[in-house]
Amino acid sequence: DTFPLWYAQEVEGIRTDVRVVNLSLLNTDWYIDQIRRKAYDSDAVPIS
């Protein structure tokens, strides 16, 4: 699911305002660090 979405945003610049959250990686601390940061045109994901 996620690889084509990342390609569409990274390479073709499609809807870079949407923040894709990979549920498989969301179990890891380093990925949670990433989604707490702004990326492209999407704001950081709100995590307390």
ModelCIF file with pLDDT and N, C-alpha, C, O atoms, coordinates in Angstrom:
data_MODEL
#
_entry.id   MODEL 
#
_entity.id                         1 
_entity.type                       polymer 
_entity.pdbx_number_of_molecules   1 
#
_entity_poly.entity_id                      1 
_entity_poly.type                           'polypeptide(L)' 
_entity_poly.nstd_linkage                   no 
_entity_poly.nstd_monomer                   no 
_entity_poly.pdbx_seq_one_letter_code       DTFPLWYAQEVEGIRTDVRVVNLSLLNTDWYIDQIRRKAYDSDAVPIS 
_entity_poly.pdbx_seq_one_letter_code_can   DTFPLWYAQEVEGIRTDVRVVNLSLLNTDWYIDQIRRKAYDSDAVPIS 
_entity_poly.pdbx_strand_id                 A 
#
loop_
_entity_poly_seq.entity_id 
_entity_poly_seq.num 
_entity_poly_seq.mon_id 
_entity_poly_seq.hetero 
1 1  ASP n 
1 2  THR n 
1 3  PHE n 
1 4  PRO n 
1 5  LEU n 
1 6  TRP n 
1 7  TYR n 
1 8  ALA n 
1 9  GLN n 
1 10 GLU n 
1 11 VAL n 
1 12 GLU n 
1 13 GLY n 
1 14 ILE n 
1 15 ARG n 
1 16 THR n 
1 17 ASP n 
1 18 VAL n 
1 19 ARG n 
1 20 VAL n 
1 21 VAL n 
1 22 ASN n 
1 23 LEU n 
1 24 SER n 
1 25 LEU n 
1 26 LEU n 
1 27 ASN n 
1 28 THR n 
1 29 ASP n 
1 30 TRP n 
1 31 TYR n 
1 32 ILE n 
1 33 ASP n 
1 34 GLN n 
1 35 ILE n 
1 36 ARG n 
1 37 ARG n 
1 38 LYS n 
1 39 ALA n 
1 40 TYR n 
1 41 ASP n 
1 42 SER n 
1 43 ASP n 
1 44 ALA n 
1 45 VAL n 
1 46 PRO n 
1 47 ILE n 
1 48 SER n 
#
_struct_asym.id          A 
_struct_asym.entity_id   1 
#
loop_
_ma_qa_metric.id 
_ma_qa_metric.mode 
_ma_qa_metric.name 
_ma_qa_metric.software_group_id 
_ma_qa_metric.type 
1 global pLDDT . pLDDT 
2 local  pLDDT . pLDDT 
#
_ma_qa_metric_global.metric_id      1 
_ma_qa_metric_global.metric_value   94.96 
_ma_qa_metric_global.model_id       1 
_ma_qa_metric_global.ordinal_id     1 
#
loop_
_ma_qa_metric_local.label_asym_id 
_ma_qa_metric_local.label_comp_id 
_ma_qa_metric_local.label_seq_id 
_ma_qa_metric_local.metric_id 
_ma_qa_metric_local.metric_value 
_ma_qa_metric_local.model_id 
_ma_qa_metric_local.ordinal_id 
A ASP 1  2 87.00 1 1  
A THR 2  2 91.00 1 2  
A PHE 3  2 92.00 1 3  
A PRO 4  2 95.00 1 4  
A LEU 5  2 95.00 1 5  
A TRP 6  2 93.00 1 6  
A TYR 7  2 95.00 1 7  
A ALA 8  2 96.00 1 8  
A GLN 9  2 96.00 1 9  
A GLU 10 2 94.00 1 10 
A VAL 11 2 96.00 1 11 
A GLU 12 2 96.00 1 12 
A GLY 13 2 96.00 1 13 
A ILE 14 2 97.00 1 14 
A ARG 15 2 97.00 1 15 
A THR 16 2 97.00 1 16 
A ASP 17 2 97.00 1 17 
A VAL 18 2 97.00 1 18 
A ARG 19 2 97.00 1 19 
A VAL 20 2 96.00 1 20 
A VAL 21 2 97.00 1 21 
A ASN 22 2 96.00 1 22 
A LEU 23 2 95.00 1 23 
A SER 24 2 93.00 1 24 
A LEU 25 2 95.00 1 25 
A LEU 26 2 96.00 1 26 
A ASN 27 2 94.00 1 27 
A THR 28 2 94.00 1 28 
A ASP 29 2 92.00 1 29 
A TRP 30 2 93.00 1 30 
A TYR 31 2 96.00 1 31 
A ILE 32 2 96.00 1 32 
A ASP 33 2 95.00 1 33 
A GLN 34 2 96.00 1 34 
A ILE 35 2 96.00 1 35 
A ARG 36 2 96.00 1 36 
A ARG 37 2 96.00 1 37 
A LYS 38 2 95.00 1 38 
A ALA 39 2 93.00 1 39 
A TYR 40 2 92.00 1 40 
A ASP 41 2 94.00 1 41 
A SER 42 2 94.00 1 42 
A ASP 43 2 94.00 1 43 
A ALA 44 2 96.00 1 44 
A VAL 45 2 96.00 1 45 
A PRO 46 2 96.00 1 46 
A ILE 47 2 96.00 1 47 
A SER 48 2 96.00 1 48 
#
loop_
_atom_site.group_PDB 
_atom_site.id 
_atom_site.type_symbol 
_atom_site.label_atom_id 
_atom_site.label_alt_id 
_atom_site.label_comp_id 
_atom_site.label_asym_id 
_atom_site.label_entity_id 
_atom_site.label_seq_id 
_atom_site.pdbx_PDB_ins_code 
_atom_site.Cartn_x 
_atom_site.Cartn_y 
_atom_site.Cartn_z 
_atom_site.occupancy 
_atom_site.B_iso_or_equiv 
_atom_site.pdbx_formal_charge 
_atom_site.auth_seq_id 
_atom_site.auth_comp_id 
_atom_site.auth_asym_id 
_atom_site.auth_atom_id 
_atom_site.pdbx_PDB_model_num 
ATOM 1   N N  . ASP A 1 1  ? 0.823  -1.203 0.000  1.00 87.00 ? 1  ASP A N  1 
ATOM 2   C CA . ASP A 1 1  ? 0.000  0.000  0.000  1.00 87.00 ? 1  ASP A CA 1 
ATOM 3   C C  . ASP A 1 1  ? 0.857  1.253  0.000  1.00 87.00 ? 1  ASP A C  1 
ATOM 4   O O  . ASP A 1 1  ? 0.634  2.171  -0.790 1.00 87.00 ? 1  ASP A O  1 
ATOM 5   N N  . THR A 1 2  ? 1.839  1.285  0.890  1.00 91.00 ? 2  THR A N  1 
ATOM 6   C CA . THR A 1 2  ? 2.534  2.544  1.166  1.00 91.00 ? 2  THR A CA 1 
ATOM 7   C C  . THR A 1 2  ? 3.573  2.899  0.118  1.00 91.00 ? 2  THR A C  1 
ATOM 8   O O  . THR A 1 2  ? 3.741  4.079  -0.189 1.00 91.00 ? 2  THR A O  1 
ATOM 9   N N  . PHE A 1 3  ? 4.276  1.924  -0.441 1.00 92.00 ? 3  PHE A N  1 
ATOM 10  C CA . PHE A 1 3  ? 5.333  2.239  -1.404 1.00 92.00 ? 3  PHE A CA 1 
ATOM 11  C C  . PHE A 1 3  ? 4.808  3.051  -2.601 1.00 92.00 ? 3  PHE A C  1 
ATOM 12  O O  . PHE A 1 3  ? 5.431  4.050  -2.962 1.00 92.00 ? 3  PHE A O  1 
ATOM 13  N N  . PRO A 1 4  ? 3.690  2.660  -3.228 1.00 95.00 ? 4  PRO A N  1 
ATOM 14  C CA . PRO A 1 4  ? 3.186  3.481  -4.343 1.00 95.00 ? 4  PRO A CA 1 
ATOM 15  C C  . PRO A 1 4  ? 2.770  4.886  -3.890 1.00 95.00 ? 4  PRO A C  1 
ATOM 16  O O  . PRO A 1 4  ? 2.927  5.849  -4.640 1.00 95.00 ? 4  PRO A O  1 
ATOM 17  N N  . LEU A 1 5  ? 2.239  5.004  -2.665 1.00 95.00 ? 5  LEU A N  1 
ATOM 18  C CA . LEU A 1 5  ? 1.856  6.320  -2.152 1.00 95.00 ? 5  LEU A CA 1 
ATOM 19  C C  . LEU A 1 5  ? 3.084  7.205  -1.971 1.00 95.00 ? 5  LEU A C  1 
ATOM 20  O O  . LEU A 1 5  ? 3.076  8.378  -2.346 1.00 95.00 ? 5  LEU A O  1 
ATOM 21  N N  . TRP A 1 6  ? 4.135  6.636  -1.395 1.00 93.00 ? 6  TRP A N  1 
ATOM 22  C CA . TRP A 1 6  ? 5.379  7.397  -1.234 1.00 93.00 ? 6  TRP A CA 1 
ATOM 23  C C  . TRP A 1 6  ? 5.940  7.803  -2.602 1.00 93.00 ? 6  TRP A C  1 
ATOM 24  O O  . TRP A 1 6  ? 6.411  8.926  -2.779 1.00 93.00 ? 6  TRP A O  1 
ATOM 25  N N  . TYR A 1 7  ? 5.885  6.884  -3.557 1.00 95.00 ? 7  TYR A N  1 
ATOM 26  C CA . TYR A 1 7  ? 6.368  7.216  -4.908 1.00 95.00 ? 7  TYR A CA 1 
ATOM 27  C C  . TYR A 1 7  ? 5.569  8.389  -5.478 1.00 95.00 ? 7  TYR A C  1 
ATOM 28  O O  . TYR A 1 7  ? 6.143  9.338  -6.010 1.00 95.00 ? 7  TYR A O  1 
ATOM 29  N N  . ALA A 1 8  ? 4.246  8.315  -5.362 1.00 96.00 ? 8  ALA A N  1 
ATOM 30  C CA . ALA A 1 8  ? 3.393  9.359  -5.950 1.00 96.00 ? 8  ALA A CA 1 
ATOM 31  C C  . ALA A 1 8  ? 3.725  10.730 -5.358 1.00 96.00 ? 8  ALA A C  1 
ATOM 32  O O  . ALA A 1 8  ? 3.735  11.734 -6.069 1.00 96.00 ? 8  ALA A O  1 
ATOM 33  N N  . GLN A 1 9  ? 3.996  10.762 -4.062 1.00 96.00 ? 9  GLN A N  1 
ATOM 34  C CA . GLN A 1 9  ? 4.328  12.030 -3.426 1.00 96.00 ? 9  GLN A CA 1 
ATOM 35  C C  . GLN A 1 9  ? 5.778  12.440 -3.703 1.00 96.00 ? 9  GLN A C  1 
ATOM 36  O O  . GLN A 1 9  ? 6.039  13.591 -4.054 1.00 96.00 ? 9  GLN A O  1 
ATOM 37  N N  . GLU A 1 10 ? 6.713  11.510 -3.546 1.00 94.00 ? 10 GLU A N  1 
ATOM 38  C CA . GLU A 1 10 ? 8.138  11.814 -3.696 1.00 94.00 ? 10 GLU A CA 1 
ATOM 39  C C  . GLU A 1 10 ? 8.509  12.216 -5.119 1.00 94.00 ? 10 GLU A C  1 
ATOM 40  O O  . GLU A 1 10 ? 9.203  13.209 -5.339 1.00 94.00 ? 10 GLU A O  1 
ATOM 41  N N  . VAL A 1 11 ? 8.029  11.423 -6.084 1.00 96.00 ? 11 VAL A N  1 
ATOM 42  C CA . VAL A 1 11 ? 8.495  11.579 -7.463 1.00 96.00 ? 11 VAL A CA 1 
ATOM 43  C C  . VAL A 1 11 ? 7.570  12.466 -8.290 1.00 96.00 ? 11 VAL A C  1 
ATOM 44  O O  . VAL A 1 11 ? 8.032  13.334 -9.031 1.00 96.00 ? 11 VAL A O  1 
ATOM 45  N N  . GLU A 1 12 ? 6.272  12.246 -8.161 1.00 96.00 ? 12 GLU A N  1 
ATOM 46  C CA . GLU A 1 12 ? 5.335  12.962 -9.023 1.00 96.00 ? 12 GLU A CA 1 
ATOM 47  C C  . GLU A 1 12 ? 4.647  14.132 -8.328 1.00 96.00 ? 12 GLU A C  1 
ATOM 48  O O  . GLU A 1 12 ? 3.877  14.862 -8.951 1.00 96.00 ? 12 GLU A O  1 
ATOM 49  N N  . GLY A 1 13 ? 4.927  14.312 -7.023 1.00 96.00 ? 13 GLY A N  1 
ATOM 50  C CA . GLY A 1 13 ? 4.393  15.466 -6.317 1.00 96.00 ? 13 GLY A CA 1 
ATOM 51  C C  . GLY A 1 13 ? 2.887  15.482 -6.171 1.00 96.00 ? 13 GLY A C  1 
ATOM 52  O O  . GLY A 1 13 ? 2.279  16.549 -6.085 1.00 96.00 ? 13 GLY A O  1 
ATOM 53  N N  . ILE A 1 14 ? 2.274  14.295 -6.143 1.00 97.00 ? 14 ILE A N  1 
ATOM 54  C CA . ILE A 1 14 ? 0.815  14.201 -6.039 1.00 97.00 ? 14 ILE A CA 1 
ATOM 55  C C  . ILE A 1 14 ? 0.392  14.365 -4.586 1.00 97.00 ? 14 ILE A C  1 
ATOM 56  O O  . ILE A 1 14 ? 0.854  13.622 -3.721 1.00 97.00 ? 14 ILE A O  1 
ATOM 57  N N  . ARG A 1 15 ? -0.465 15.311 -4.312 1.00 97.00 ? 15 ARG A N  1 
ATOM 58  C CA . ARG A 1 15 ? -1.095 15.527 -3.013 1.00 97.00 ? 15 ARG A CA 1 
ATOM 59  C C  . ARG A 1 15 ? -0.100 15.435 -1.849 1.00 97.00 ? 15 ARG A C  1 
ATOM 60  O O  . ARG A 1 15 ? -0.253 14.603 -0.954 1.00 97.00 ? 15 ARG A O  1 
ATOM 61  N N  . THR A 1 16 ? 0.894  16.280 -1.874 1.00 97.00 ? 16 THR A N  1 
ATOM 62  C CA . THR A 1 16 ? 1.895  16.275 -0.801 1.00 97.00 ? 16 THR A CA 1 
ATOM 63  C C  . THR A 1 16 ? 1.366  16.891 0.489  1.00 97.00 ? 16 THR A C  1 
ATOM 64  O O  . THR A 1 16 ? 2.074  16.938 1.495  1.00 97.00 ? 16 THR A O  1 
ATOM 65  N N  . ASP A 1 17 ? 0.108  17.366 0.461  1.00 97.00 ? 17 ASP A N  1 
ATOM 66  C CA . ASP A 1 17 ? -0.513 17.862 1.698  1.00 97.00 ? 17 ASP A CA 1 
ATOM 67  C C  . ASP A 1 17 ? -1.061 16.731 2.560  1.00 97.00 ? 17 ASP A C  1 
ATOM 68  O O  . ASP A 1 17 ? -1.345 16.935 3.740  1.00 97.00 ? 17 ASP A O  1 
ATOM 69  N N  . VAL A 1 18 ? -1.210 15.539 1.982  1.00 97.00 ? 18 VAL A N  1 
ATOM 70  C CA . VAL A 1 18 ? -1.738 14.388 2.719  1.00 97.00 ? 18 VAL A CA 1 
ATOM 71  C C  . VAL A 1 18 ? -0.602 13.701 3.457  1.00 97.00 ? 18 VAL A C  1 
ATOM 72  O O  . VAL A 1 18 ? 0.452  13.440 2.877  1.00 97.00 ? 18 VAL A O  1 
ATOM 73  N N  . ARG A 1 19 ? -0.811 13.406 4.740  1.00 97.00 ? 19 ARG A N  1 
ATOM 74  C CA . ARG A 1 19 ? 0.230  12.719 5.517  1.00 97.00 ? 19 ARG A CA 1 
ATOM 75  C C  . ARG A 1 19 ? -0.091 11.231 5.561  1.00 97.00 ? 19 ARG A C  1 
ATOM 76  O O  . ARG A 1 19 ? -1.076 10.817 6.173  1.00 97.00 ? 19 ARG A O  1 
ATOM 77  N N  . VAL A 1 20 ? 0.747  10.429 4.908  1.00 96.00 ? 20 VAL A N  1 
ATOM 78  C CA . VAL A 1 20 ? 0.584  8.977  4.888  1.00 96.00 ? 20 VAL A CA 1 
ATOM 79  C C  . VAL A 1 20 ? 1.211  8.409  6.157  1.00 96.00 ? 20 VAL A C  1 
ATOM 80  O O  . VAL A 1 20 ? 2.372  8.686  6.457  1.00 96.00 ? 20 VAL A O  1 
ATOM 81  N N  . VAL A 1 21 ? 0.442  7.614  6.902  1.00 97.00 ? 21 VAL A N  1 
ATOM 82  C CA . VAL A 1 21 ? 0.941  6.984  8.130  1.00 97.00 ? 21 VAL A CA 1 
ATOM 83  C C  . VAL A 1 21 ? 0.909  5.473  7.935  1.00 97.00 ? 21 VAL A C  1 
ATOM 84  O O  . VAL A 1 21 ? -0.160 4.875  7.811  1.00 97.00 ? 21 VAL A O  1 
ATOM 85  N N  . ASN A 1 22 ? 2.085  4.869  7.909  1.00 96.00 ? 22 ASN A N  1 
ATOM 86  C CA . ASN A 1 22 ? 2.247  3.441  7.688  1.00 96.00 ? 22 ASN A CA 1 
ATOM 87  C C  . ASN A 1 22 ? 2.008  2.700  9.007  1.00 96.00 ? 22 ASN A C  1 
ATOM 88  O O  . ASN A 1 22 ? 2.791  2.840  9.946  1.00 96.00 ? 22 ASN A O  1 
ATOM 89  N N  . LEU A 1 23 ? 0.936  1.919  9.080  1.00 95.00 ? 23 LEU A N  1 
ATOM 90  C CA . LEU A 1 23 ? 0.568  1.258  10.333 1.00 95.00 ? 23 LEU A CA 1 
ATOM 91  C C  . LEU A 1 23 ? 1.577  0.199  10.763 1.00 95.00 ? 23 LEU A C  1 
ATOM 92  O O  . LEU A 1 23 ? 1.709  -0.075 11.956 1.00 95.00 ? 23 LEU A O  1 
ATOM 93  N N  . SER A 1 24 ? 2.284  -0.395 9.819  1.00 93.00 ? 24 SER A N  1 
ATOM 94  C CA . SER A 1 24 ? 3.295  -1.396 10.180 1.00 93.00 ? 24 SER A CA 1 
ATOM 95  C C  . SER A 1 24 ? 4.466  -0.734 10.896 1.00 93.00 ? 24 SER A C  1 
ATOM 96  O O  . SER A 1 24 ? 4.980  -1.270 11.878 1.00 93.00 ? 24 SER A O  1 
ATOM 97  N N  . LEU A 1 25 ? 4.888  0.425  10.408 1.00 95.00 ? 25 LEU A N  1 
ATOM 98  C CA . LEU A 1 25 ? 6.031  1.121  10.995 1.00 95.00 ? 25 LEU A CA 1 
ATOM 99  C C  . LEU A 1 25 ? 5.662  1.894  12.251 1.00 95.00 ? 25 LEU A C  1 
ATOM 100 O O  . LEU A 1 25 ? 6.538  2.287  13.022 1.00 95.00 ? 25 LEU A O  1 
ATOM 101 N N  . LEU A 1 26 ? 4.370  2.112  12.459 1.00 96.00 ? 26 LEU A N  1 
ATOM 102 C CA . LEU A 1 26 ? 3.924  2.926  13.591 1.00 96.00 ? 26 LEU A CA 1 
ATOM 103 C C  . LEU A 1 26 ? 4.205  2.247  14.935 1.00 96.00 ? 26 LEU A C  1 
ATOM 104 O O  . LEU A 1 26 ? 4.014  2.855  15.988 1.00 96.00 ? 26 LEU A O  1 
ATOM 105 N N  . ASN A 1 27 ? 4.657  0.994  14.902 1.00 94.00 ? 27 ASN A N  1 
ATOM 106 C CA . ASN A 1 27 ? 5.055  0.303  16.133 1.00 94.00 ? 27 ASN A CA 1 
ATOM 107 C C  . ASN A 1 27 ? 6.497  0.617  16.537 1.00 94.00 ? 27 ASN A C  1 
ATOM 108 O O  . ASN A 1 27 ? 6.971  0.124  17.561 1.00 94.00 ? 27 ASN A O  1 
ATOM 109 N N  . THR A 1 28 ? 7.198  1.433  15.743 1.00 94.00 ? 28 THR A N  1 
ATOM 110 C CA . THR A 1 28 ? 8.608  1.723  16.025 1.00 94.00 ? 28 THR A CA 1 
ATOM 111 C C  . THR A 1 28 ? 8.773  3.172  16.456 1.00 94.00 ? 28 THR A C  1 
ATOM 112 O O  . THR A 1 28 ? 8.072  4.062  15.976 1.00 94.00 ? 28 THR A O  1 
ATOM 113 N N  . ASP A 1 29 ? 9.711  3.394  17.368 1.00 92.00 ? 29 ASP A N  1 
ATOM 114 C CA . ASP A 1 29 ? 9.903  4.750  17.891 1.00 92.00 ? 29 ASP A CA 1 
ATOM 115 C C  . ASP A 1 29 ? 10.449 5.709  16.838 1.00 92.00 ? 29 ASP A C  1 
ATOM 116 O O  . ASP A 1 29 ? 10.046 6.872  16.795 1.00 92.00 ? 29 ASP A O  1 
ATOM 117 N N  . TRP A 1 30 ? 11.362 5.237  15.989 1.00 93.00 ? 30 TRP A N  1 
ATOM 118 C CA . TRP A 1 30 ? 11.957 6.130  14.989 1.00 93.00 ? 30 TRP A CA 1 
ATOM 119 C C  . TRP A 1 30 ? 10.921 6.627  13.985 1.00 93.00 ? 30 TRP A C  1 
ATOM 120 O O  . TRP A 1 30 ? 11.031 7.745  13.484 1.00 93.00 ? 30 TRP A O  1 
ATOM 121 N N  . TYR A 1 31 ? 9.902  5.790  13.686 1.00 96.00 ? 31 TYR A N  1 
ATOM 122 C CA . TYR A 1 31 ? 8.883  6.234  12.734 1.00 96.00 ? 31 TYR A CA 1 
ATOM 123 C C  . TYR A 1 31 ? 7.925  7.229  13.395 1.00 96.00 ? 31 TYR A C  1 
ATOM 124 O O  . TYR A 1 31 ? 7.461  8.173  12.756 1.00 96.00 ? 31 TYR A O  1 
ATOM 125 N N  . ILE A 1 32 ? 7.635  7.010  14.679 1.00 96.00 ? 32 ILE A N  1 
ATOM 126 C CA . ILE A 1 32 ? 6.801  7.980  15.395 1.00 96.00 ? 32 ILE A CA 1 
ATOM 127 C C  . ILE A 1 32 ? 7.514  9.328  15.438 1.00 96.00 ? 32 ILE A C  1 
ATOM 128 O O  . ILE A 1 32 ? 6.879  10.376 15.323 1.00 96.00 ? 32 ILE A O  1 
ATOM 129 N N  . ASP A 1 33 ? 8.842  9.296  15.604 1.00 95.00 ? 33 ASP A N  1 
ATOM 130 C CA . ASP A 1 33 ? 9.619  10.545 15.525 1.00 95.00 ? 33 ASP A CA 1 
ATOM 131 C C  . ASP A 1 33 ? 9.371  11.252 14.192 1.00 95.00 ? 33 ASP A C  1 
ATOM 132 O O  . ASP A 1 33 ? 9.218  12.473 14.144 1.00 95.00 ? 33 ASP A O  1 
ATOM 133 N N  . GLN A 1 34 ? 9.334  10.479 13.124 1.00 96.00 ? 34 GLN A N  1 
ATOM 134 C CA . GLN A 1 34 ? 9.165  11.068 11.783 1.00 96.00 ? 34 GLN A CA 1 
ATOM 135 C C  . GLN A 1 34 ? 7.794  11.710 11.611 1.00 96.00 ? 34 GLN A C  1 
ATOM 136 O O  . GLN A 1 34 ? 7.691  12.826 11.101 1.00 96.00 ? 34 GLN A O  1 
ATOM 137 N N  . ILE A 1 35 ? 6.744  11.015 12.034 1.00 96.00 ? 35 ILE A N  1 
ATOM 138 C CA . ILE A 1 35 ? 5.408  11.575 11.787 1.00 96.00 ? 35 ILE A CA 1 
ATOM 139 C C  . ILE A 1 35 ? 5.132  12.786 12.682 1.00 96.00 ? 35 ILE A C  1 
ATOM 140 O O  . ILE A 1 35 ? 4.188  13.534 12.431 1.00 96.00 ? 35 ILE A O  1 
ATOM 141 N N  . ARG A 1 36 ? 5.938  12.983 13.710 1.00 96.00 ? 36 ARG A N  1 
ATOM 142 C CA . ARG A 1 36 ? 5.780  14.164 14.561 1.00 96.00 ? 36 ARG A CA 1 
ATOM 143 C C  . ARG A 1 36 ? 6.448  15.393 13.945 1.00 96.00 ? 36 ARG A C  1 
ATOM 144 O O  . ARG A 1 36 ? 6.405  16.482 14.517 1.00 96.00 ? 36 ARG A O  1 
ATOM 145 N N  . ARG A 1 37 ? 7.064  15.212 12.776 1.00 96.00 ? 37 ARG A N  1 
ATOM 146 C CA . ARG A 1 37 ? 7.680  16.339 12.071 1.00 96.00 ? 37 ARG A CA 1 
ATOM 147 C C  . ARG A 1 37 ? 6.880  16.683 10.820 1.00 96.00 ? 37 ARG A C  1 
ATOM 148 O O  . ARG A 1 37 ? 6.203  15.826 10.252 1.00 96.00 ? 37 ARG A O  1 
ATOM 149 N N  . LYS A 1 38 ? 6.960  17.919 10.403 1.00 95.00 ? 38 LYS A N  1 
ATOM 150 C CA . LYS A 1 38 ? 6.310  18.348 9.168  1.00 95.00 ? 38 LYS A CA 1 
ATOM 151 C C  . LYS A 1 38 ? 6.998  17.686 7.980  1.00 95.00 ? 38 LYS A C  1 
ATOM 152 O O  . LYS A 1 38 ? 8.216  17.505 7.994  1.00 95.00 ? 38 LYS A O  1 
ATOM 153 N N  . ALA A 1 39 ? 6.231  17.322 6.952  1.00 93.00 ? 39 ALA A N  1 
ATOM 154 C CA . ALA A 1 39 ? 6.803  16.720 5.755  1.00 93.00 ? 39 ALA A CA 1 
ATOM 155 C C  . ALA A 1 39 ? 6.092  17.265 4.520  1.00 93.00 ? 39 ALA A C  1 
ATOM 156 O O  . ALA A 1 39 ? 4.864  17.244 4.443  1.00 93.00 ? 39 ALA A O  1 
ATOM 157 N N  . TYR A 1 40 ? 6.879  17.760 3.544  1.00 92.00 ? 40 TYR A N  1 
ATOM 158 C CA . TYR A 1 40 ? 6.309  18.375 2.349  1.00 92.00 ? 40 TYR A CA 1 
ATOM 159 C C  . TYR A 1 40 ? 5.338  19.481 2.754  1.00 92.00 ? 40 TYR A C  1 
ATOM 160 O O  . TYR A 1 40 ? 5.711  20.426 3.449  1.00 92.00 ? 40 TYR A O  1 
ATOM 161 N N  . ASP A 1 41 ? 4.088  19.349 2.311  1.00 94.00 ? 41 ASP A N  1 
ATOM 162 C CA . ASP A 1 41 ? 3.075  20.365 2.625  1.00 94.00 ? 41 ASP A CA 1 
ATOM 163 C C  . ASP A 1 41 ? 2.138  19.909 3.725  1.00 94.00 ? 41 ASP A C  1 
ATOM 164 O O  . ASP A 1 41 ? 1.110  20.547 3.957  1.00 94.00 ? 41 ASP A O  1 
ATOM 165 N N  . SER A 1 42 ? 2.468  18.814 4.414  1.00 94.00 ? 42 SER A N  1 
ATOM 166 C CA . SER A 1 42 ? 1.591  18.313 5.479  1.00 94.00 ? 42 SER A CA 1 
ATOM 167 C C  . SER A 1 42 ? 2.170  18.641 6.841  1.00 94.00 ? 42 SER A C  1 
ATOM 168 O O  . SER A 1 42 ? 3.381  18.570 7.053  1.00 94.00 ? 42 SER A O  1 
ATOM 169 N N  . ASP A 1 43 ? 1.288  19.002 7.761  1.00 94.00 ? 43 ASP A N  1 
ATOM 170 C CA . ASP A 1 43 ? 1.718  19.330 9.111  1.00 94.00 ? 43 ASP A CA 1 
ATOM 171 C C  . ASP A 1 43 ? 2.108  18.068 9.876  1.00 94.00 ? 43 ASP A C  1 
ATOM 172 O O  . ASP A 1 43 ? 1.805  16.951 9.457  1.00 94.00 ? 43 ASP A O  1 
ATOM 173 N N  . ALA A 1 44 ? 2.784  18.270 11.003 1.00 96.00 ? 44 ALA A N  1 
ATOM 174 C CA . ALA A 1 44 ? 3.132  17.148 11.870 1.00 96.00 ? 44 ALA A CA 1 
ATOM 175 C C  . ALA A 1 44 ? 1.867  16.480 12.390 1.00 96.00 ? 44 ALA A C  1 
ATOM 176 O O  . ALA A 1 44 ? 0.837  17.129 12.565 1.00 96.00 ? 44 ALA A O  1 
ATOM 177 N N  . VAL A 1 45 ? 1.956  15.174 12.635 1.00 96.00 ? 45 VAL A N  1 
ATOM 178 C CA . VAL A 1 45 ? 0.824  14.435 13.194 1.00 96.00 ? 45 VAL A CA 1 
ATOM 179 C C  . VAL A 1 45 ? 0.760  14.726 14.696 1.00 96.00 ? 45 VAL A C  1 
ATOM 180 O O  . VAL A 1 45 ? 1.781  14.639 15.378 1.00 96.00 ? 45 VAL A O  1 
ATOM 181 N N  . PRO A 1 46 ? -0.410 15.068 15.217 1.00 96.00 ? 46 PRO A N  1 
ATOM 182 C CA . PRO A 1 46 ? -0.508 15.428 16.638 1.00 96.00 ? 46 PRO A CA 1 
ATOM 183 C C  . PRO A 1 46 ? -0.387 14.209 17.558 1.00 96.00 ? 46 PRO A C  1 
ATOM 184 O O  . PRO A 1 46 ? -1.310 13.401 17.655 1.00 96.00 ? 46 PRO A O  1 
ATOM 185 N N  . ILE A 1 47 ? 0.753  14.088 18.226 1.00 96.00 ? 47 ILE A N  1 
ATOM 186 C CA . ILE A 1 47 ? 1.024  13.014 19.187 1.00 96.00 ? 47 ILE A CA 1 
ATOM 187 C C  . ILE A 1 47 ? 1.434  13.667 20.507 1.00 96.00 ? 47 ILE A C  1 
ATOM 188 O O  . ILE A 1 47 ? 2.319  14.523 20.529 1.00 96.00 ? 47 ILE A O  1 
ATOM 189 N N  . SER A 1 48 ? 0.801  13.270 21.591 1.00 96.00 ? 48 SER A N  1 
ATOM 190 C CA . SER A 1 48 ? 1.123  13.878 22.892 1.00 96.00 ? 48 SER A CA 1 
ATOM 191 C C  . SER A 1 48 ? 2.227  13.141 23.633 1.00 96.00 ? 48 SER A C  1 
ATOM 192 O O  . SER A 1 48 ? 2.601  13.537 24.737 1.00 96.00 ? 48 SER A O  1 
#
